[in-house]
């Protein structure tokens, strides 16, 4: 995600060196990704078992498309969330930690987008199978709007408000 240059500036803690800041930020990022990866992996595992469950053959064409969208987006989210840990291992002690931190942040945002799509299409799949298409669209829309607002729009609005507040001072 590209943000205005003013918003991208890192703010070190008082008395913190650049290296200490990068170490702290990377630790915070990896800890946050651990939480997200657990959720996406549970969803991904559930989706892997679904085609083998009794009754899956009763799912219509729309349900099959929703399933594959959910499966693909959960897979993409998993890759995005796991990549920072894998790259951390491969780039250990190479001096590329700050580059990895920025890349990992971008991957984390991409992973959240994938997770939002996976959750939305999974809710739509279940609702479409149990109810029918129009309630599925409503329930999926609620999940999509809620994740879009809480995960993306609200933080971006906060960043711009903070930037505007700093410009006024």
Protein backbone atom coordinates (compact mmCIF):
# COMPACT_ATOMS: atom_id res chain seq x y z
CA UNK A 1 0.00 0.00 0.00
CA UNK A 2 1.38 3.37 -0.97
CA UNK A 3 0.87 6.14 1.54
CA UNK A 4 1.87 9.80 1.43
CA UNK A 5 5.54 10.32 2.18
CA UNK A 6 4.74 12.13 5.46
CA UNK A 7 2.77 9.11 6.67
CA UNK A 8 5.54 6.66 5.76
CA UNK A 9 8.09 8.31 8.07
CA UNK A 10 8.97 6.00 10.92
CA UNK A 11 8.87 7.44 14.40
CA UNK A 12 11.45 5.90 16.73
CA UNK A 13 10.78 5.49 20.41
CA UNK A 14 12.70 7.98 22.60
CA UNK A 15 16.39 7.02 22.77
CA UNK A 16 15.95 4.28 20.15
CA UNK A 17 18.59 3.79 17.45
CA UNK A 18 17.62 3.06 13.85
CA UNK A 19 18.66 -0.59 14.28
CA UNK A 20 16.66 -0.92 17.49
CA UNK A 21 13.62 0.62 15.76
CA UNK A 22 13.87 -1.79 12.81
CA UNK A 23 14.30 -4.75 15.18
CA UNK A 24 11.30 -3.66 17.25
CA UNK A 25 9.11 -3.01 14.20
CA UNK A 26 10.01 -6.35 12.64
CA UNK A 27 9.21 -8.16 15.88
CA UNK A 28 5.87 -6.36 16.13
CA UNK A 29 5.06 -7.16 12.51
CA UNK A 30 5.94 -10.84 12.81
CA UNK A 31 3.87 -11.12 16.00
CA UNK A 32 0.87 -9.57 14.24
CA UNK A 33 1.27 -11.92 11.29
CA UNK A 34 1.33 -14.92 13.65
CA UNK A 35 -2.19 -14.01 14.75
CA UNK A 36 -3.45 -13.57 11.18
CA UNK A 37 -1.79 -16.73 9.85
CA UNK A 38 -3.52 -18.87 12.46
CA UNK A 39 -6.94 -17.69 11.32
CA UNK A 40 -6.26 -18.11 7.64
CA UNK A 41 -4.73 -21.56 8.16
CA UNK A 42 -7.82 -22.80 10.03
CA UNK A 43 -10.04 -21.53 7.21
CA UNK A 44 -7.68 -22.99 4.58
CA UNK A 45 -7.69 -26.40 6.29
CA UNK A 46 -11.49 -26.38 6.47
CA UNK A 47 -11.70 -25.53 2.77
CA UNK A 48 -9.33 -28.39 1.91
CA UNK A 49 -11.64 -30.90 3.57
CA UNK A 50 -14.88 -29.54 2.15
CA UNK A 51 -14.89 -31.33 -1.24
CA UNK A 52 -14.50 -34.65 0.55
CA UNK A 53 -17.43 -34.04 2.88
CA UNK A 54 -20.72 -35.80 2.34
CA UNK A 55 -23.12 -33.56 0.51
CA UNK A 56 -20.57 -31.39 -1.29
CA UNK A 57 -21.81 -32.85 -4.56
CA UNK A 58 -25.13 -31.09 -3.87
CA UNK A 59 -23.44 -27.68 -4.08
CA UNK A 60 -24.45 -25.86 -7.26
CA UNK A 61 -22.20 -24.10 -9.79
CA UNK A 62 -22.26 -20.81 -7.88
CA UNK A 63 -21.22 -22.69 -4.74
CA UNK A 64 -18.34 -24.33 -6.59
CA UNK A 65 -17.12 -20.93 -7.79
CA UNK A 66 -17.42 -19.50 -4.28
CA UNK A 67 -15.47 -22.48 -2.96
CA UNK A 68 -12.63 -22.02 -5.45
CA UNK A 69 -12.49 -18.26 -4.83
CA UNK A 70 -12.30 -18.93 -1.09
CA UNK A 71 -9.67 -21.64 -1.52
CA UNK A 72 -7.49 -19.57 -3.84
CA UNK A 73 -7.70 -16.41 -1.74
CA UNK A 74 -6.97 -18.37 1.47
CA UNK A 75 -3.95 -19.87 -0.29
CA UNK A 76 -2.75 -16.43 -1.41
CA UNK A 77 -3.28 -15.04 2.09
CA UNK A 78 -1.33 -17.95 3.59
CA UNK A 79 1.59 -17.38 1.24
CA UNK A 80 1.60 -13.64 1.99
CA UNK A 81 1.46 -14.18 5.77
CA UNK A 82 4.12 -16.92 5.82
CA UNK A 83 6.57 -15.20 3.44
CA UNK A 84 8.00 -12.77 6.04
CA UNK A 85 9.00 -15.64 8.35
CA UNK A 86 10.52 -17.58 5.45
CA UNK A 87 12.43 -14.55 4.19
CA UNK A 88 13.58 -13.72 7.70
CA UNK A 89 15.21 -17.16 7.85
CA UNK A 90 16.79 -16.80 4.41
CA UNK A 91 17.99 -13.22 4.93
CA UNK A 92 19.21 -13.72 8.49
CA UNK A 93 22.25 -11.52 9.20
CA UNK A 94 22.47 -10.12 5.68
CA UNK A 95 21.82 -6.48 6.59
CA UNK A 96 18.56 -6.48 4.63
CA UNK A 97 16.26 -6.35 7.65
CA UNK A 98 14.79 -2.92 6.89
CA UNK A 99 14.04 -3.89 3.28
CA UNK A 100 12.45 -7.10 4.55
CA UNK A 101 10.39 -5.09 7.07
CA UNK A 102 8.88 -2.87 4.35
CA UNK A 103 8.26 -5.86 2.05
CA UNK A 104 6.68 -7.81 4.91
CA UNK A 105 4.35 -4.93 5.69
CA UNK A 106 3.18 -4.88 2.07
CA UNK A 107 2.73 -8.66 2.11
CA UNK A 108 0.77 -8.42 5.35
CA UNK A 109 -1.63 -5.95 3.75
CA UNK A 110 -1.97 -8.20 0.68
CA UNK A 111 -2.58 -11.16 2.99
CA UNK A 112 -5.34 -9.25 4.77
CA UNK A 113 -6.99 -8.54 1.42
CA UNK A 114 -6.78 -12.25 0.54
CA UNK A 115 -8.17 -13.22 3.93
CA UNK A 116 -11.06 -10.77 3.52
CA UNK A 117 -11.92 -12.32 0.14
CA UNK A 118 -11.61 -15.85 1.58
CA UNK A 119 -13.86 -15.06 4.53
CA UNK A 120 -16.39 -13.25 2.36
CA UNK A 121 -16.63 -16.04 -0.21
CA UNK A 122 -16.74 -18.71 2.53
CA UNK A 123 -19.66 -16.97 4.21
CA UNK A 124 -21.35 -16.64 0.80
CA UNK A 125 -20.77 -20.34 0.09
CA UNK A 126 -22.33 -21.48 3.34
CA UNK A 127 -25.22 -19.03 3.13
CA UNK A 128 -25.88 -19.90 -0.52
CA UNK A 129 -25.89 -23.62 0.28
CA UNK A 130 -28.08 -23.35 3.38
CA UNK A 131 -30.40 -20.52 2.29
CA UNK A 132 -30.19 -19.20 -1.25
CA UNK A 133 -28.40 -16.61 -3.40
CA UNK A 134 -29.84 -13.33 -2.16
CA UNK A 135 -29.21 -13.91 1.59
CA UNK A 136 -25.75 -15.16 0.65
CA UNK A 137 -25.07 -11.86 -1.11
CA UNK A 138 -26.29 -9.91 1.93
CA UNK A 139 -24.24 -11.89 4.45
CA UNK A 140 -21.14 -11.85 2.27
CA UNK A 141 -21.61 -8.13 1.75
CA UNK A 142 -21.69 -7.56 5.50
CA UNK A 143 -18.42 -9.46 5.94
CA UNK A 144 -16.82 -7.66 2.99
CA UNK A 145 -17.88 -4.21 4.19
CA UNK A 146 -16.90 -4.88 7.80
CA UNK A 147 -13.44 -6.18 6.91
CA UNK A 148 -12.93 -3.37 4.38
CA UNK A 149 -13.89 -0.74 6.95
CA UNK A 150 -12.04 -2.13 9.99
CA UNK A 151 -8.94 -3.46 8.25
CA UNK A 152 -8.35 -0.87 5.53
CA UNK A 153 -10.54 2.22 5.35
CA UNK A 154 -10.63 3.20 9.04
CA UNK A 155 -6.82 2.99 9.49
CA UNK A 156 -6.25 4.96 6.27
CA UNK A 157 -8.73 7.62 7.42
CA UNK A 158 -6.87 7.79 10.74
CA UNK A 159 -3.56 8.25 8.91
CA UNK A 160 -4.90 11.12 6.84
CA UNK A 161 -6.58 12.75 9.86
CA UNK A 162 -3.32 12.48 11.79
CA UNK A 163 -1.44 14.00 8.85
CA UNK A 164 -3.98 16.84 8.65
CA UNK A 165 -3.70 17.43 12.42
CA UNK A 166 0.11 17.64 12.16
CA UNK A 167 -0.17 20.07 9.22
CA UNK A 168 -2.36 22.39 11.31
CA UNK A 169 0.11 22.50 14.22
